[in-house]
Every structure is written in structure tokens, then in C-alpha cells.
C-alpha atoms as a PDB file:
ATOM      1  CA  MET A   1     132.089  25.723   0.319  1.00  0.00           C
ATOM      2  CA  THR A   2     132.537  23.723  -2.886  1.00  0.00           C
ATOM      3  CA  LEU A   3     128.830  23.057  -3.011  1.00  0.00           C
ATOM      4  CA  GLN A   4     128.125  26.801  -2.873  1.00  0.00           C
ATOM      5  CA  LEU A   5     130.355  27.483  -5.871  1.00  0.00           C
ATOM      6  CA  VAL A   6     128.589  24.864  -7.946  1.00  0.00           C
ATOM      7  CA  VAL A   7     125.194  26.348  -7.078  1.00  0.00           C
ATOM      8  CA  GLU A   8     126.417  29.867  -7.887  1.00  0.00           C
ATOM      9  CA  ASN A   9     127.721  28.738 -11.292  1.00  0.00           C
ATOM     10  CA  LYS A  10     124.364  27.170 -12.129  1.00  0.00           C
ATOM     11  CA  ARG A  11     122.620  30.455 -11.450  1.00  0.00           C
ATOM     12  CA  ARG A  12     124.764  32.428 -13.848  1.00  0.00           C
ATOM     13  CA  LYS A  13     123.255  33.408 -17.127  1.00  0.00           C
ATOM     14  CA  PRO A  14     124.985  31.768 -20.087  1.00  0.00           C
ATOM     15  CA  SER A  15     125.946  35.177 -21.454  1.00  0.00           C
ATOM     16  CA  ALA A  16     127.855  35.928 -18.235  1.00  0.00           C
ATOM     17  CA  VAL A  17     130.227  33.022 -18.861  1.00  0.00           C
ATOM     18  CA  LYS A  18     133.290  34.027 -20.858  1.00  0.00           C
ATOM     19  CA  GLY A  19     133.089  33.106 -24.543  1.00  0.00           C
ATOM     20  CA  THR A  20     129.335  32.486 -24.671  1.00  0.00           C
ATOM     21  CA  ARG A  21     128.192  36.041 -25.246  1.00  0.00           C
ATOM     22  CA  LYS A  22     125.512  36.285 -27.911  1.00  0.00           C
ATOM     23  CA  ARG A  23     126.573  38.106 -31.056  1.00  0.00           C
ATOM     24  CA  ASN A  24     124.492  40.729 -32.698  1.00  0.00           C
ATOM     25  CA  PRO A  25     124.160  39.686 -36.361  1.00  0.00           C
ATOM     26  CA  LYS A  26     124.358  43.317 -37.458  1.00  0.00           C
ATOM     27  CA  SER A  27     127.652  43.816 -35.629  1.00  0.00           C
ATOM     28  CA  PHE A  28     129.713  41.729 -38.042  1.00  0.00           C
ATOM     29  CA  LYS A  29     129.855  41.584 -41.803  1.00  0.00           C
ATOM     30  CA  SER A  30     128.355  38.539 -43.480  1.00  0.00           C
ATOM     31  CA  VAL A  31     130.691  36.601 -45.705  1.00  0.00           C
ATOM     32  CA  ALA A  32     129.306  34.737 -48.685  1.00  0.00           C
ATOM     33  CA  THR A  33     130.194  31.082 -49.163  1.00  0.00           C
ATOM     34  CA  PRO A  34     131.766  29.875 -52.420  1.00  0.00           C
ATOM     35  CA  ALA A  35     128.416  28.353 -53.480  1.00  0.00           C
ATOM     36  CA  GLN A  36     126.620  31.648 -52.811  1.00  0.00           C
ATOM     37  CA  LEU A  37     129.242  33.663 -54.689  1.00  0.00           C
ATOM     38  CA  LYS A  38     129.098  31.299 -57.651  1.00  0.00           C
ATOM     39  CA  TRP A  39     125.302  31.573 -57.875  1.00  0.00           C
ATOM     40  CA  LEU A  40     125.202  35.343 -57.329  1.00  0.00           C
ATOM     41  CA  SER A  41     127.966  35.973 -59.888  1.00  0.00           C
ATOM     42  CA  ARG A  42     125.798  34.457 -62.617  1.00  0.00           C
ATOM     43  CA  GLY A  43     123.351  37.343 -62.209  1.00  0.00           C
ATOM     44  CA  LEU A  44     125.976  40.009 -62.926  1.00  0.00           C
ATOM     45  CA  ASP A  45     125.684  39.669 -66.714  1.00  0.00           C
ATOM     46  CA  GLN A  46     121.938  39.029 -66.863  1.00  0.00           C
ATOM     47  CA  ALA A  47     119.263  41.604 -67.612  1.00  0.00           C
ATOM     48  CA  GLY A  48     118.012  42.963 -64.292  1.00  0.00           C
ATOM     49  CA  GLY A  49     120.370  40.639 -62.427  1.00  0.00           C
ATOM     50  CA  LYS A  50     118.176  37.557 -62.949  1.00  0.00           C
ATOM     51  CA  LEU A  51     119.588  34.567 -61.103  1.00  0.00           C
ATOM     52  CA  PRO A  52     119.407  31.048 -62.549  1.00  0.00           C
ATOM     53  CA  LEU A  53     117.425  28.121 -61.175  1.00  0.00           C
ATOM     54  CA  PHE A  54     120.026  25.623 -62.407  1.00  0.00           C
ATOM     55  CA  ASP A  55     123.814  25.481 -62.427  1.00  0.00           C
ATOM     56  CA  GLU A  56     126.030  24.985 -65.484  1.00  0.00           C
ATOM     57  CA  GLU A  57     125.603  21.209 -65.270  1.00  0.00           C
ATOM     58  CA  GLY A  58     121.802  21.316 -65.169  1.00  0.00           C
ATOM     59  CA  GLN A  59     121.493  20.672 -61.437  1.00  0.00           C
ATOM     60  CA  ARG A  60     119.000  22.732 -59.458  1.00  0.00           C
ATOM     61  CA  ILE A  61     120.517  25.422 -57.216  1.00  0.00           C
ATOM     62  CA  SER A  62     120.275  24.454 -53.551  1.00  0.00           C
ATOM     63  CA  GLU A  63     117.253  25.863 -51.696  1.00  0.00           C
ATOM     64  CA  ARG A  64     119.581  26.545 -48.789  1.00  0.00           C
ATOM     65  CA  THR A  65     121.806  28.734 -50.958  1.00  0.00           C
ATOM     66  CA  ILE A  66     118.832  30.649 -52.340  1.00  0.00           C
ATOM     67  CA  HIS A  67     117.157  31.235 -48.979  1.00  0.00           C
ATOM     68  CA  SER A  68     120.368  32.310 -47.251  1.00  0.00           C
ATOM     69  CA  CYS A  69     121.057  34.858 -50.016  1.00  0.00           C
ATOM     70  CA  LEU A  70     117.492  36.161 -49.718  1.00  0.00           C
ATOM     71  CA  GLU A  71     117.841  36.500 -45.925  1.00  0.00           C
ATOM     72  CA  LYS A  72     121.114  38.415 -46.244  1.00  0.00           C
ATOM     73  CA  GLY A  73     119.662  40.773 -48.850  1.00  0.00           C
ATOM     74  CA  TRP A  74     121.973  39.703 -51.670  1.00  0.00           C
ATOM     75  CA  ALA A  75     119.055  38.436 -53.750  1.00  0.00           C
ATOM     76  CA  LYS A  76     115.400  39.408 -53.985  1.00  0.00           C
ATOM     77  CA  PRO A  77     112.339  37.575 -55.234  1.00  0.00           C
ATOM     78  CA  TRP A  78     111.766  38.416 -58.896  1.00  0.00           C
ATOM     79  CA  PHE A  79     108.311  36.969 -59.531  1.00  0.00           C
ATOM     80  CA  ASN A  80     106.257  33.878 -58.767  1.00  0.00           C
ATOM     81  CA  ASN A  81     106.702  30.963 -61.114  1.00  0.00           C
ATOM     82  CA  PRO A  82     103.200  29.910 -62.248  1.00  0.00           C
ATOM     83  CA  ILE A  83     104.407  26.545 -63.575  1.00  0.00           C
ATOM     84  CA  LYS A  84     106.448  25.585 -60.497  1.00  0.00           C
ATOM     85  CA  PRO A  85     105.232  27.718 -57.543  1.00  0.00           C
ATOM     86  CA  ASP A  86     107.765  26.140 -55.170  1.00  0.00           C
ATOM     87  CA  TRP A  87     110.691  27.382 -57.309  1.00  0.00           C
ATOM     88  CA  GLN A  88     111.828  30.839 -56.224  1.00  0.00           C
ATOM     89  CA  ILE A  89     112.907  33.049 -59.136  1.00  0.00           C
ATOM     90  CA  CYS A  90     115.308  35.700 -57.864  1.00  0.00           C
ATOM     91  CA  GLY A  91     117.301  38.703 -58.961  1.00  0.00           C
ATOM     92  CA  LEU A  92     120.548  40.205 -57.715  1.00  0.00           C
ATOM     93  CA  THR A  93     120.286  43.219 -55.391  1.00  0.00           C
ATOM     94  CA  ASP A  94     122.673  46.168 -55.068  1.00  0.00           C
ATOM     95  CA  ALA A  95     124.015  44.567 -51.876  1.00  0.00           C
ATOM     96  CA  GLY A  96     124.666  41.391 -53.860  1.00  0.00           C
ATOM     97  CA  ARG A  97     126.533  43.345 -56.525  1.00  0.00           C
ATOM     98  CA  LYS A  98     128.758  44.873 -53.834  1.00  0.00           C
ATOM     99  CA  LEU A  99     130.142  41.402 -53.130  1.00  0.00           C
ATOM    100  CA  PHE A 100     131.932  41.730 -56.504  1.00  0.00           C
ATOM    101  CA  PRO A 101     133.851  45.029 -56.306  1.00  0.00           C
ATOM    102  CA  ASP A 102     135.834  44.353 -59.491  1.00  0.00           C
ATOM    103  CA  THR A 103     132.772  44.483 -61.730  1.00  0.00           C
END
């Protein structure tokens, strides 16, 4: 009888096991990280919401931060950089502005 239970558990789909249900990304609100908020906030005072390529200390903004903000719709591509095509120039979207309700 013990052997049967083990076999039955192996046949279960992972989503049938408690606590492993897949989440629908649209069913919960995305929360911006401190690094994302810091980068996005710099576009609030810029013309058209232009976002910087570098931070206040001259270090390049993380590609991971930029791409995650683009995926979540908080930033949008502005234009292609002809000098450095691998550098993504972005602007703040309306959804990105909504992360800062006090402004």
C-alpha cells in the first residue's frame, strides 16, 4: 500500500500540490525595487520623461534594471543611440509616473 501512494504522488501535476500553484502575473500588482524607483524618479523632471544612462556617480545604469522596467511598462524605448547601439535610451511612461503618486 505504501508503494501505491508513492506512485500516485509522482503522477500528480505540480500545480495540484498545495503551495506550488502557478501565479498569473496579471493577478498581482508589480512592485518596483529601490533601484528601479531611483532610476525612474530621475525622469520625472526631465523633458518627455527622458531617463538617464548613468547614475549620479557616473556609473552606467544596470541593464537588468532597464529591461525589467521596460517589461513592466514603466519605461519605453525613446530612440536608438547611433553612437552606442547597445545602449537603450528610454523615457518614462504614464504607468511609470503612477509609481510616484505625490508628484
